[in-house]
């Protein structure tokens, strides 16, 4: 069974809302890439023109979109497609929780869905 989860400005649940950090595009991108490496995700492509990073492990793909609103305000959104026999949605949600917790250790969280 496949689960598709996306974060966005207009999400109602906090975990699915766009997260904004007090940092630059390059710093957030580098921190995210380091976390992917720790999780053994394979980075398939990095497109700085579209601010997207596509990564995968068997049975799960993640596209992160990182947008620098201004030099001290950068957002990150995720589109996750997970296909596991059991627990697809839970595995995708756990990925989000892990990323947000780890990014919050490195950067100050400015807020959620700041530009609705």
PDB file of N, CA and C in Angstrom:
ATOM      1  N   UNK A   1       0.842  -1.182   0.000  1.00  0.00           N
ATOM      2  CA  UNK A   1       0.000   0.000   0.000  1.00  0.00           C
ATOM      3  C   UNK A   1       0.884   1.240   0.000  1.00  0.00           C
ATOM      4  N   UNK A   2       0.547   2.182  -0.843  1.00  0.00           N
ATOM      5  CA  UNK A   2       1.342   3.400  -0.959  1.00  0.00           C
ATOM      6  C   UNK A   2       0.700   4.531  -0.169  1.00  0.00           C
ATOM      7  N   UNK A   3       1.549   5.286   0.507  1.00  0.00           N
ATOM      8  CA  UNK A   3       1.103   6.479   1.224  1.00  0.00           C
ATOM      9  C   UNK A   3       1.855   7.669   0.649  1.00  0.00           C
ATOM     10  N   UNK A   4       1.134   8.741   0.382  1.00  0.00           N
ATOM     11  CA  UNK A   4       1.750   9.972  -0.097  1.00  0.00           C
ATOM     12  C   UNK A   4       1.440  11.063   0.923  1.00  0.00           C
ATOM     13  N   UNK A   5       2.491  11.686   1.417  1.00  0.00           N
ATOM     14  CA  UNK A   5       2.346  12.743   2.414  1.00  0.00           C
ATOM     15  C   UNK A   5       3.054  13.983   1.898  1.00  0.00           C
ATOM     16  N   UNK A   6       2.387  15.131   2.035  1.00  0.00           N
ATOM     17  CA  UNK A   6       2.998  16.393   1.639  1.00  0.00           C
ATOM     18  C   UNK A   6       2.799  17.425   2.732  1.00  0.00           C
ATOM     19  N   UNK A   7       3.818  18.253   2.910  1.00  0.00           N
ATOM     20  CA  UNK A   7       3.677  19.380   3.823  1.00  0.00           C
ATOM     21  C   UNK A   7       3.371  20.621   2.987  1.00  0.00           C
ATOM     22  N   UNK A   8       2.702  21.607   3.608  1.00  0.00           N
ATOM     23  CA  UNK A   8       2.349  22.817   2.869  1.00  0.00           C
ATOM     24  C   UNK A   8       1.966  23.939   3.823  1.00  0.00           C
ATOM     25  N   UNK A   9       1.873  25.134   3.276  1.00  0.00           N
ATOM     26  CA  UNK A   9       1.452  26.315   4.036  1.00  0.00           C
ATOM     27  C   UNK A   9       0.045  26.135   4.606  1.00  0.00           C
ATOM     28  N   UNK A  10      -0.827  25.492   3.851  1.00  0.00           N
ATOM     29  CA  UNK A  10      -2.240  25.424   4.219  1.00  0.00           C
ATOM     30  C   UNK A  10      -2.641  24.184   4.993  1.00  0.00           C
ATOM     31  N   UNK A  11      -1.687  23.373   5.377  1.00  0.00           N
ATOM     32  CA  UNK A  11      -2.012  22.164   6.147  1.00  0.00           C
ATOM     33  C   UNK A  11      -2.603  22.548   7.500  1.00  0.00           C
ATOM     34  N   UNK A  12      -3.529  21.739   7.980  1.00  0.00           N
ATOM     35  CA  UNK A  12      -4.174  22.037   9.261  1.00  0.00           C
ATOM     36  C   UNK A  12      -3.416  21.449  10.444  1.00  0.00           C
ATOM     37  N   UNK A  13      -2.807  20.284  10.251  1.00  0.00           N
ATOM     38  CA  UNK A  13      -2.033  19.673  11.334  1.00  0.00           C
ATOM     39  C   UNK A  13      -0.620  20.243  11.335  1.00  0.00           C
ATOM     40  N   UNK A  14      -0.125  20.535  12.526  1.00  0.00           N
ATOM     41  CA  UNK A  14       1.180  21.164  12.695  1.00  0.00           C
ATOM     42  C   UNK A  14       2.310  20.410  11.992  1.00  0.00           C
ATOM     43  N   UNK A  15       2.318  19.099  12.106  1.00  0.00           N
ATOM     44  CA  UNK A  15       3.409  18.310  11.513  1.00  0.00           C
ATOM     45  C   UNK A  15       3.462  18.444   9.995  1.00  0.00           C
ATOM     46  N   UNK A  16       2.340  18.745   9.368  1.00  0.00           N
ATOM     47  CA  UNK A  16       2.279  18.846   7.912  1.00  0.00           C
ATOM     48  C   UNK A  16       2.391  20.290   7.412  1.00  0.00           C
ATOM     49  N   UNK A  17       2.630  21.227   8.312  1.00  0.00           N
ATOM     50  CA  UNK A  17       2.765  22.633   7.915  1.00  0.00           C
ATOM     51  C   UNK A  17       4.207  22.938   7.512  1.00  0.00           C
ATOM     52  N   UNK A  18       4.373  23.897   6.622  1.00  0.00           N
ATOM     53  CA  UNK A  18       5.693  24.360   6.208  1.00  0.00           C
ATOM     54  C   UNK A  18       6.434  24.869   7.428  1.00  0.00           C
ATOM     55  N   UNK A  19       7.679  24.435   7.589  1.00  0.00           N
ATOM     56  CA  UNK A  19       8.525  24.874   8.704  1.00  0.00           C
ATOM     57  C   UNK A  19       9.526  25.908   8.204  1.00  0.00           C
ATOM     58  N   UNK A  20       9.661  26.990   8.965  1.00  0.00           N
ATOM     59  CA  UNK A  20      10.585  28.075   8.628  1.00  0.00           C
ATOM     60  C   UNK A  20      11.683  28.147   9.678  1.00  0.00           C
ATOM     61  N   UNK A  21      12.920  28.250   9.196  1.00  0.00           N
ATOM     62  CA  UNK A  21      14.068  28.309  10.090  1.00  0.00           C
ATOM     63  C   UNK A  21      14.861  29.587   9.864  1.00  0.00           C
ATOM     64  N   UNK A  22      15.532  30.023  10.924  1.00  0.00           N
ATOM     65  CA  UNK A  22      16.368  31.219  10.863  1.00  0.00           C
ATOM     66  C   UNK A  22      17.738  30.804  10.327  1.00  0.00           C
ATOM     67  N   UNK A  23      17.824  30.707   8.996  1.00  0.00           N
ATOM     68  CA  UNK A  23      19.058  30.288   8.332  1.00  0.00           C
ATOM     69  C   UNK A  23      18.955  30.600   6.849  1.00  0.00           C
ATOM     70  N   UNK A  24      20.009  30.337   6.121  1.00  0.00           N
ATOM     71  CA  UNK A  24      20.025  30.566   4.676  1.00  0.00           C
ATOM     72  C   UNK A  24      19.711  29.266   3.919  1.00  0.00           C
ATOM     73  N   UNK A  25      19.475  29.403   2.644  1.00  0.00           N
ATOM     74  CA  UNK A  25      19.204  28.254   1.778  1.00  0.00           C
ATOM     75  C   UNK A  25      20.346  27.238   1.850  1.00  0.00           C
ATOM     76  N   UNK A  26      21.573  27.715   1.656  1.00  0.00           N
ATOM     77  CA  UNK A  26      22.712  26.799   1.607  1.00  0.00           C
ATOM     78  C   UNK A  26      22.949  26.081   2.936  1.00  0.00           C
ATOM     79  N   UNK A  27      22.771  26.768   4.051  1.00  0.00           N
ATOM     80  CA  UNK A  27      22.970  26.134   5.349  1.00  0.00           C
ATOM     81  C   UNK A  27      21.908  25.063   5.603  1.00  0.00           C
ATOM     82  N   UNK A  28      20.654  25.366   5.270  1.00  0.00           N
ATOM     83  CA  UNK A  28      19.577  24.389   5.466  1.00  0.00           C
ATOM     84  C   UNK A  28      19.767  23.202   4.514  1.00  0.00           C
ATOM     85  N   UNK A  29      20.123  23.480   3.281  1.00  0.00           N
ATOM     86  CA  UNK A  29      20.372  22.410   2.306  1.00  0.00           C
ATOM     87  C   UNK A  29      21.493  21.491   2.791  1.00  0.00           C
ATOM     88  N   UNK A  30      22.596  22.069   3.250  1.00  0.00           N
ATOM     89  CA  UNK A  30      23.725  21.263   3.723  1.00  0.00           C
ATOM     90  C   UNK A  30      23.347  20.414   4.933  1.00  0.00           C
ATOM     91  N   UNK A  31      22.590  20.996   5.860  1.00  0.00           N
ATOM     92  CA  UNK A  31      22.163  20.242   7.048  1.00  0.00           C
ATOM     93  C   UNK A  31      21.233  19.095   6.641  1.00  0.00           C
ATOM     94  N   UNK A  32      20.315  19.355   5.729  1.00  0.00           N
ATOM     95  CA  UNK A  32      19.394  18.325   5.258  1.00  0.00           C
ATOM     96  C   UNK A  32      20.153  17.197   4.556  1.00  0.00           C
ATOM     97  N   UNK A  33      21.115  17.534   3.715  1.00  0.00           N
ATOM     98  CA  UNK A  33      21.908  16.517   3.018  1.00  0.00           C
ATOM     99  C   UNK A  33      22.696  15.659   4.004  1.00  0.00           C
ATOM    100  N   UNK A  34      23.213  16.266   5.052  1.00  0.00           N
ATOM    101  CA  UNK A  34      23.930  15.526   6.094  1.00  0.00           C
ATOM    102  C   UNK A  34      23.000  14.541   6.789  1.00  0.00           C
ATOM    103  N   UNK A  35      21.775  14.978   7.079  1.00  0.00           N
ATOM    104  CA  UNK A  35      20.801  14.092   7.726  1.00  0.00           C
ATOM    105  C   UNK A  35      20.416  12.932   6.813  1.00  0.00           C
ATOM    106  N   UNK A  36      20.248  13.212   5.529  1.00  0.00           N
ATOM    107  CA  UNK A  36      19.945  12.132   4.579  1.00  0.00           C
ATOM    108  C   UNK A  36      21.063  11.099   4.563  1.00  0.00           C
ATOM    109  N   UNK A  37      22.298  11.587   4.600  1.00  0.00           N
ATOM    110  CA  UNK A  37      23.444  10.685   4.603  1.00  0.00           C
ATOM    111  C   UNK A  37      23.439   9.807   5.854  1.00  0.00           C
ATOM    112  N   UNK A  38      23.118  10.400   7.007  1.00  0.00           N
ATOM    113  CA  UNK A  38      23.042   9.640   8.260  1.00  0.00           C
ATOM    114  C   UNK A  38      21.988   8.540   8.183  1.00  0.00           C
ATOM    115  N   UNK A  39      20.905   8.807   7.458  1.00  0.00           N
ATOM    116  CA  UNK A  39      19.815   7.833   7.319  1.00  0.00           C
ATOM    117  C   UNK A  39      20.044   6.856   6.170  1.00  0.00           C
ATOM    118  N   UNK A  40      21.179   7.005   5.482  1.00  0.00           N
ATOM    119  CA  UNK A  40      21.518   6.154   4.334  1.00  0.00           C
ATOM    120  C   UNK A  40      20.569   6.304   3.153  1.00  0.00           C
ATOM    121  N   UNK A  41      20.038   7.510   2.962  1.00  0.00           N
ATOM    122  CA  UNK A  41      19.246   7.800   1.773  1.00  0.00           C
ATOM    123  C   UNK A  41      20.193   8.105   0.626  1.00  0.00           C
ATOM    124  N   UNK A  42      19.832   7.692  -0.563  1.00  0.00           N
ATOM    125  CA  UNK A  42      20.613   8.025  -1.748  1.00  0.00           C
ATOM    126  C   UNK A  42      20.051   9.309  -2.341  1.00  0.00           C
ATOM    127  N   UNK A  43      20.884  10.317  -2.465  1.00  0.00           N
ATOM    128  CA  UNK A  43      20.466  11.570  -3.096  1.00  0.00           C
ATOM    129  C   UNK A  43      20.539  11.353  -4.604  1.00  0.00           C
ATOM    130  N   UNK A  44      19.382  11.424  -5.257  1.00  0.00           N
ATOM    131  CA  UNK A  44      19.290  11.162  -6.686  1.00  0.00           C
ATOM    132  C   UNK A  44      19.574  12.436  -7.477  1.00  0.00           C
ATOM    133  N   UNK A  45      19.027  13.568  -6.994  1.00  0.00           N
ATOM    134  CA  UNK A  45      19.265  14.825  -7.696  1.00  0.00           C
ATOM    135  C   UNK A  45      19.123  16.012  -6.755  1.00  0.00           C
ATOM    136  N   UNK A  46      19.911  17.032  -7.076  1.00  0.00           N
ATOM    137  CA  UNK A  46      19.835  18.327  -6.387  1.00  0.00           C
ATOM    138  C   UNK A  46      19.657  19.364  -7.475  1.00  0.00           C
ATOM    139  N   UNK A  47      18.541  20.080  -7.433  1.00  0.00           N
ATOM    140  CA  UNK A  47      18.259  21.098  -8.440  1.00  0.00           C
ATOM    141  C   UNK A  47      18.137  22.451  -7.747  1.00  0.00           C
ATOM    142  N   UNK A  48      19.233  23.215  -7.762  1.00  0.00           N
ATOM    143  CA  UNK A  48      19.220  24.522  -7.106  1.00  0.00           C
ATOM    144  C   UNK A  48      18.344  25.538  -7.838  1.00  0.00           C
ATOM    145  N   UNK A  49      18.075  25.324  -9.128  1.00  0.00           N
ATOM    146  CA  UNK A  49      17.181  26.228  -9.859  1.00  0.00           C
ATOM    147  C   UNK A  49      15.748  26.150  -9.333  1.00  0.00           C
ATOM    148  N   UNK A  50      15.324  24.928  -8.981  1.00  0.00           N
ATOM    149  CA  UNK A  50      13.969  24.716  -8.465  1.00  0.00           C
ATOM    150  C   UNK A  50      13.965  24.489  -6.954  1.00  0.00           C
ATOM    151  N   UNK A  51      15.130  24.562  -6.339  1.00  0.00           N
ATOM    152  CA  UNK A  51      15.288  24.408  -4.886  1.00  0.00           C
ATOM    153  C   UNK A  51      14.783  23.056  -4.394  1.00  0.00           C
ATOM    154  N   UNK A  52      15.032  22.006  -5.172  1.00  0.00           N
ATOM    155  CA  UNK A  52      14.536  20.681  -4.819  1.00  0.00           C
ATOM    156  C   UNK A  52      15.660  19.657  -4.679  1.00  0.00           C
ATOM    157  N   UNK A  53      15.476  18.770  -3.723  1.00  0.00           N
ATOM    158  CA  UNK A  53      16.388  17.649  -3.514  1.00  0.00           C
ATOM    159  C   UNK A  53      15.538  16.377  -3.518  1.00  0.00           C
ATOM    160  N   UNK A  54      15.899  15.446  -4.396  1.00  0.00           N
ATOM    161  CA  UNK A  54      15.178  14.187  -4.498  1.00  0.00           C
ATOM    162  C   UNK A  54      16.066  13.082  -3.956  1.00  0.00           C
ATOM    163  N   UNK A  55      15.536  12.312  -2.996  1.00  0.00           N
ATOM    164  CA  UNK A  55      16.307  11.233  -2.371  1.00  0.00           C
ATOM    165  C   UNK A  55      15.417  10.004  -2.228  1.00  0.00           C
ATOM    166  N   UNK A  56      16.085   8.846  -2.072  1.00  0.00           N
ATOM    167  CA  UNK A  56      15.299   7.615  -1.951  1.00  0.00           C
ATOM    168  C   UNK A  56      16.043   6.544  -1.163  1.00  0.00           C
ATOM    169  N   UNK A  57      15.244   5.655  -0.622  1.00  0.00           N
ATOM    170  CA  UNK A  57      15.690   4.376  -0.092  1.00  0.00           C
ATOM    171  C   UNK A  57      14.720   3.367  -0.690  1.00  0.00           C
ATOM    172  N   UNK A  58      15.007   2.084  -0.589  1.00  0.00           N
ATOM    173  CA  UNK A  58      14.012   1.136  -1.100  1.00  0.00           C
ATOM    174  C   UNK A  58      12.641   1.376  -0.453  1.00  0.00           C
ATOM    175  N   UNK A  59      11.634   1.483  -1.265  1.00  0.00           N
ATOM    176  CA  UNK A  59      10.234   1.641  -0.849  1.00  0.00           C
ATOM    177  C   UNK A  59       9.840   3.042  -0.385  1.00  0.00           C
ATOM    178  N   UNK A  60      10.751   4.031  -0.471  1.00  0.00           N
ATOM    179  CA  UNK A  60      10.359   5.383  -0.070  1.00  0.00           C
ATOM    180  C   UNK A  60      11.164   6.430  -0.836  1.00  0.00           C
ATOM    181  N   UNK A  61      10.471   7.457  -1.337  1.00  0.00           N
ATOM    182  CA  UNK A  61      11.131   8.585  -1.979  1.00  0.00           C
ATOM    183  C   UNK A  61      10.719   9.867  -1.279  1.00  0.00           C
ATOM    184  N   UNK A  62      11.636  10.838  -1.282  1.00  0.00           N
ATOM    185  CA  UNK A  62      11.378  12.116  -0.629  1.00  0.00           C
ATOM    186  C   UNK A  62      11.871  13.235  -1.537  1.00  0.00           C
ATOM    187  N   UNK A  63      10.993  14.200  -1.777  1.00  0.00           N
ATOM    188  CA  UNK A  63      11.398  15.424  -2.461  1.00  0.00           C
ATOM    189  C   UNK A  63      11.274  16.548  -1.446  1.00  0.00           C
ATOM    190  N   UNK A  64      12.390  17.212  -1.182  1.00  0.00           N
ATOM    191  CA  UNK A  64      12.381  18.364  -0.274  1.00  0.00           C
ATOM    192  C   UNK A  64      12.497  19.627  -1.116  1.00  0.00           C
ATOM    193  N   UNK A  65      11.684  20.611  -0.784  1.00  0.00           N
ATOM    194  CA  UNK A  65      11.753  21.908  -1.430  1.00  0.00           C
ATOM    195  C   UNK A  65      12.166  22.926  -0.378  1.00  0.00           C
ATOM    196  N   UNK A  66      13.292  23.581  -0.625  1.00  0.00           N
ATOM    197  CA  UNK A  66      13.850  24.542   0.323  1.00  0.00           C
ATOM    198  C   UNK A  66      13.812  25.915  -0.327  1.00  0.00           C
ATOM    199  N   UNK A  67      13.110  26.847   0.301  1.00  0.00           N
ATOM    200  CA  UNK A  67      12.939  28.186  -0.271  1.00  0.00           C
ATOM    201  C   UNK A  67      13.455  29.239   0.707  1.00  0.00           C
ATOM    202  N   UNK A  68      14.376  30.058   0.235  1.00  0.00           N
ATOM    203  CA  UNK A  68      14.882  31.161   1.057  1.00  0.00           C
ATOM    204  C   UNK A  68      13.993  32.377   0.826  1.00  0.00           C
ATOM    205  N   UNK A  69      13.201  32.729   1.843  1.00  0.00           N
ATOM    206  CA  UNK A  69      12.325  33.895   1.758  1.00  0.00           C
ATOM    207  C   UNK A  69      13.156  35.181   1.842  1.00  0.00           C
ATOM    208  N   UNK A  70      14.106  35.158   2.765  1.00  0.00           N
ATOM    209  CA  UNK A  70      15.104  36.215   2.926  1.00  0.00           C
ATOM    210  C   UNK A  70      16.310  35.550   3.585  1.00  0.00           C
ATOM    211  N   UNK A  71      17.461  36.210   3.648  1.00  0.00           N
ATOM    212  CA  UNK A  71      18.675  35.533   4.133  1.00  0.00           C
ATOM    213  C   UNK A  71      18.564  34.891   5.521  1.00  0.00           C
ATOM    214  N   UNK A  72      17.616  35.324   6.325  1.00  0.00           N
ATOM    215  CA  UNK A  72      17.463  34.731   7.662  1.00  0.00           C
ATOM    216  C   UNK A  72      16.122  34.026   7.837  1.00  0.00           C
ATOM    217  N   UNK A  73      15.496  33.649   6.722  1.00  0.00           N
ATOM    218  CA  UNK A  73      14.220  32.926   6.798  1.00  0.00           C
ATOM    219  C   UNK A  73      14.114  31.973   5.611  1.00  0.00           C
ATOM    220  N   UNK A  74      14.235  30.689   5.915  1.00  0.00           N
ATOM    221  CA  UNK A  74      14.209  29.669   4.874  1.00  0.00           C
ATOM    222  C   UNK A  74      13.232  28.569   5.273  1.00  0.00           C
ATOM    223  N   UNK A  75      12.408  28.160   4.310  1.00  0.00           N
ATOM    224  CA  UNK A  75      11.395  27.138   4.589  1.00  0.00           C
ATOM    225  C   UNK A  75      11.783  25.813   3.947  1.00  0.00           C
ATOM    226  N   UNK A  76      11.198  24.751   4.497  1.00  0.00           N
ATOM    227  CA  UNK A  76      11.369  23.423   3.911  1.00  0.00           C
ATOM    228  C   UNK A  76      10.028  22.704   3.896  1.00  0.00           C
ATOM    229  N   UNK A  77       9.720  22.125   2.742  1.00  0.00           N
ATOM    230  CA  UNK A  77       8.527  21.302   2.569  1.00  0.00           C
ATOM    231  C   UNK A  77       8.944  19.952   2.022  1.00  0.00           C
ATOM    232  N   UNK A  78       8.134  18.945   2.299  1.00  0.00           N
ATOM    233  CA  UNK A  78       8.435  17.589   1.874  1.00  0.00           C
ATOM    234  C   UNK A  78       7.261  16.984   1.109  1.00  0.00           C
ATOM    235  N   UNK A  79       7.590  16.184   0.100  1.00  0.00           N
ATOM    236  CA  UNK A  79       6.625  15.317  -0.572  1.00  0.00           C
ATOM    237  C   UNK A  79       7.215  13.917  -0.455  1.00  0.00           C
ATOM    238  N   UNK A  80       6.506  13.052   0.259  1.00  0.00           N
ATOM    239  CA  UNK A  80       7.012  11.709   0.564  1.00  0.00           C
ATOM    240  C   UNK A  80       6.072  10.668  -0.024  1.00  0.00           C
ATOM    241  N   UNK A  81       6.655   9.725  -0.704  1.00  0.00           N
ATOM    242  CA  UNK A  81       5.895   8.589  -1.220  1.00  0.00           C
ATOM    243  C   UNK A  81       6.511   7.337  -0.613  1.00  0.00           C
ATOM    244  N   UNK A  82       5.707   6.621   0.165  1.00  0.00           N
ATOM    245  CA  UNK A  82       6.205   5.429   0.857  1.00  0.00           C
ATOM    246  C   UNK A  82       5.355   4.222   0.473  1.00  0.00           C
ATOM    247  N   UNK A  83       6.028   3.130   0.182  1.00  0.00           N
ATOM    248  CA  UNK A  83       5.314   1.921  -0.185  1.00  0.00           C
ATOM    249  C   UNK A  83       5.882   0.736   0.592  1.00  0.00           C
ATOM    250  N   UNK A  84       5.276   0.485   1.726  1.00  0.00           N
ATOM    251  CA  UNK A  84       5.659  -0.640   2.579  1.00  0.00           C
ATOM    252  C   UNK A  84       4.445  -1.544   2.733  1.00  0.00           C
ATOM    253  N   UNK A  85       4.674  -2.794   3.016  1.00  0.00           N
ATOM    254  CA  UNK A  85       3.568  -3.728   3.197  1.00  0.00           C
ATOM    255  C   UNK A  85       2.677  -3.265   4.350  1.00  0.00           C
ATOM    256  N   UNK A  86       3.294  -2.813   5.434  1.00  0.00           N
ATOM    257  CA  UNK A  86       2.549  -2.290   6.580  1.00  0.00           C
ATOM    258  C   UNK A  86       3.204  -0.989   7.058  1.00  0.00           C
ATOM    259  N   UNK A  87       2.404  -0.048   7.497  1.00  0.00           N
ATOM    260  CA  UNK A  87       2.919   1.137   8.152  1.00  0.00           C
ATOM    261  C   UNK A  87       3.515   2.205   7.255  1.00  0.00           C
ATOM    262  N   UNK A  88       3.094   2.293   5.998  1.00  0.00           N
ATOM    263  CA  UNK A  88       3.653   3.295   5.080  1.00  0.00           C
ATOM    264  C   UNK A  88       3.498   4.710   5.606  1.00  0.00           C
ATOM    265  N   UNK A  89       2.291   5.036   6.054  1.00  0.00           N
ATOM    266  CA  UNK A  89       2.020   6.385   6.530  1.00  0.00           C
ATOM    267  C   UNK A  89       2.845   6.696   7.791  1.00  0.00           C
ATOM    268  N   UNK A  90       2.964   5.710   8.664  1.00  0.00           N
ATOM    269  CA  UNK A  90       3.721   5.898   9.896  1.00  0.00           C
ATOM    270  C   UNK A  90       5.202   6.121   9.599  1.00  0.00           C
ATOM    271  N   UNK A  91       5.767   5.372   8.655  1.00  0.00           N
ATOM    272  CA  UNK A  91       7.180   5.537   8.303  1.00  0.00           C
ATOM    273  C   UNK A  91       7.429   6.916   7.695  1.00  0.00           C
ATOM    274  N   UNK A  92       6.519   7.377   6.854  1.00  0.00           N
ATOM    275  CA  UNK A  92       6.652   8.710   6.254  1.00  0.00           C
ATOM    276  C   UNK A  92       6.542   9.788   7.331  1.00  0.00           C
ATOM    277  N   UNK A  93       5.599   9.629   8.237  1.00  0.00           N
ATOM    278  CA  UNK A  93       5.415  10.592   9.321  1.00  0.00           C
ATOM    279  C   UNK A  93       6.638  10.603  10.251  1.00  0.00           C
ATOM    280  N   UNK A  94       7.189   9.436  10.536  1.00  0.00           N
ATOM    281  CA  UNK A  94       8.394   9.357  11.373  1.00  0.00           C
ATOM    282  C   UNK A  94       9.575  10.064  10.719  1.00  0.00           C
ATOM    283  N   UNK A  95       9.652   9.994   9.387  1.00  0.00           N
ATOM    284  CA  UNK A  95      10.698  10.718   8.664  1.00  0.00           C
ATOM    285  C   UNK A  95      10.558  12.220   8.922  1.00  0.00           C
ATOM    286  N   UNK A  96       9.335  12.735   8.816  1.00  0.00           N
ATOM    287  CA  UNK A  96       9.083  14.160   9.074  1.00  0.00           C
ATOM    288  C   UNK A  96       9.481  14.545  10.492  1.00  0.00           C
ATOM    289  N   UNK A  97       9.032  13.760  11.443  1.00  0.00           N
ATOM    290  CA  UNK A  97       9.328  14.055  12.852  1.00  0.00           C
ATOM    291  C   UNK A  97      10.836  14.101  13.075  1.00  0.00           C
ATOM    292  N   UNK A  98      11.550  13.117  12.553  1.00  0.00           N
ATOM    293  CA  UNK A  98      13.002  13.075  12.704  1.00  0.00           C
ATOM    294  C   UNK A  98      13.642  14.322  12.085  1.00  0.00           C
ATOM    295  N   UNK A  99      13.261  14.652  10.860  1.00  0.00           N
ATOM    296  CA  UNK A  99      13.864  15.810  10.178  1.00  0.00           C
ATOM    297  C   UNK A  99      13.612  17.097  10.951  1.00  0.00           C
ATOM    298  N   UNK A 100      12.381  17.309  11.364  1.00  0.00           N
ATOM    299  CA  UNK A 100      12.059  18.546  12.090  1.00  0.00           C
ATOM    300  C   UNK A 100      12.809  18.631  13.416  1.00  0.00           C
ATOM    301  N   UNK A 101      12.914  17.511  14.120  1.00  0.00           N
ATOM    302  CA  UNK A 101      13.646  17.512  15.397  1.00  0.00           C
ATOM    303  C   UNK A 101      15.121  17.822  15.185  1.00  0.00           C
ATOM    304  N   UNK A 102      15.720  17.206  14.182  1.00  0.00           N
ATOM    305  CA  UNK A 102      17.146  17.402  13.930  1.00  0.00           C
ATOM    306  C   UNK A 102      17.439  18.810  13.403  1.00  0.00           C
ATOM    307  N   UNK A 103      16.595  19.319  12.523  1.00  0.00           N
ATOM    308  CA  UNK A 103      16.800  20.676  12.003  1.00  0.00           C
ATOM    309  C   UNK A 103      16.635  21.713  13.106  1.00  0.00           C
ATOM    310  N   UNK A 104      15.710  21.450  14.039  1.00  0.00           N
ATOM    311  CA  UNK A 104      15.495  22.379  15.162  1.00  0.00           C
ATOM    312  C   UNK A 104      16.692  22.407  16.105  1.00  0.00           C
ATOM    313  N   UNK A 105      17.501  21.344  16.114  1.00  0.00           N
ATOM    314  CA  UNK A 105      18.718  21.329  16.930  1.00  0.00           C
ATOM    315  C   UNK A 105      19.792  22.233  16.319  1.00  0.00           C
ATOM    316  N   UNK A 106      19.733  22.409  15.002  1.00  0.00           N
ATOM    317  CA  UNK A 106      20.756  23.179  14.295  1.00  0.00           C
ATOM    318  C   UNK A 106      20.354  24.630  14.053  1.00  0.00           C
ATOM    319  N   UNK A 107      19.056  24.862  13.862  1.00  0.00           N
ATOM    320  CA  UNK A 107      18.573  26.195  13.503  1.00  0.00           C
ATOM    321  C   UNK A 107      17.377  26.589  14.360  1.00  0.00           C
ATOM    322  N   UNK A 108      17.235  27.864  14.586  1.00  0.00           N
ATOM    323  CA  UNK A 108      16.072  28.376  15.322  1.00  0.00           C
ATOM    324  C   UNK A 108      14.834  28.279  14.435  1.00  0.00           C
ATOM    325  N   UNK A 109      13.776  27.684  14.968  1.00  0.00           N
ATOM    326  CA  UNK A 109      12.507  27.605  14.253  1.00  0.00           C
ATOM    327  C   UNK A 109      11.830  28.966  14.331  1.00  0.00           C
ATOM    328  N   UNK A 110      11.580  29.581  13.172  1.00  0.00           N
ATOM    329  CA  UNK A 110      10.916  30.883  13.148  1.00  0.00           C
ATOM    330  C   UNK A 110       9.400  30.736  13.265  1.00  0.00           C
ATOM    331  N   UNK A 111       8.875  29.632  12.741  1.00  0.00           N
ATOM    332  CA  UNK A 111       7.445  29.405  12.836  1.00  0.00           C
ATOM    333  C   UNK A 111       6.950  28.442  11.785  1.00  0.00           C
ATOM    334  N   UNK A 112       5.645  28.213  11.806  1.00  0.00           N
ATOM    335  CA  UNK A 112       4.992  27.300  10.885  1.00  0.00           C
ATOM    336  C   UNK A 112       4.008  28.077  10.002  1.00  0.00           C
ATOM    337  N   UNK A 113       3.970  27.735   8.742  1.00  0.00           N
ATOM    338  CA  UNK A 113       3.025  28.346   7.786  1.00  0.00           C
ATOM    339  C   UNK A 113       2.966  29.861   7.948  1.00  0.00           C
ATOM    340  N   UNK A 114       4.097  30.514   7.848  1.00  0.00           N
ATOM    341  CA  UNK A 114       4.176  31.960   8.080  1.00  0.00           C
ATOM    342  C   UNK A 114       3.613  32.793   6.942  1.00  0.00           C
ATOM    343  N   UNK A 115       3.449  32.232   5.753  1.00  0.00           N
ATOM    344  CA  UNK A 115       3.037  33.020   4.597  1.00  0.00           C
ATOM    345  C   UNK A 115       1.779  32.482   3.941  1.00  0.00           C
ATOM    346  N   UNK A 116       0.782  32.218   4.745  1.00  0.00           N
ATOM    347  CA  UNK A 116      -0.495  31.707   4.213  1.00  0.00           C
ATOM    348  C   UNK A 116      -1.173  32.740   3.379  1.00  0.00           C
TER     349      UNK A 116
END
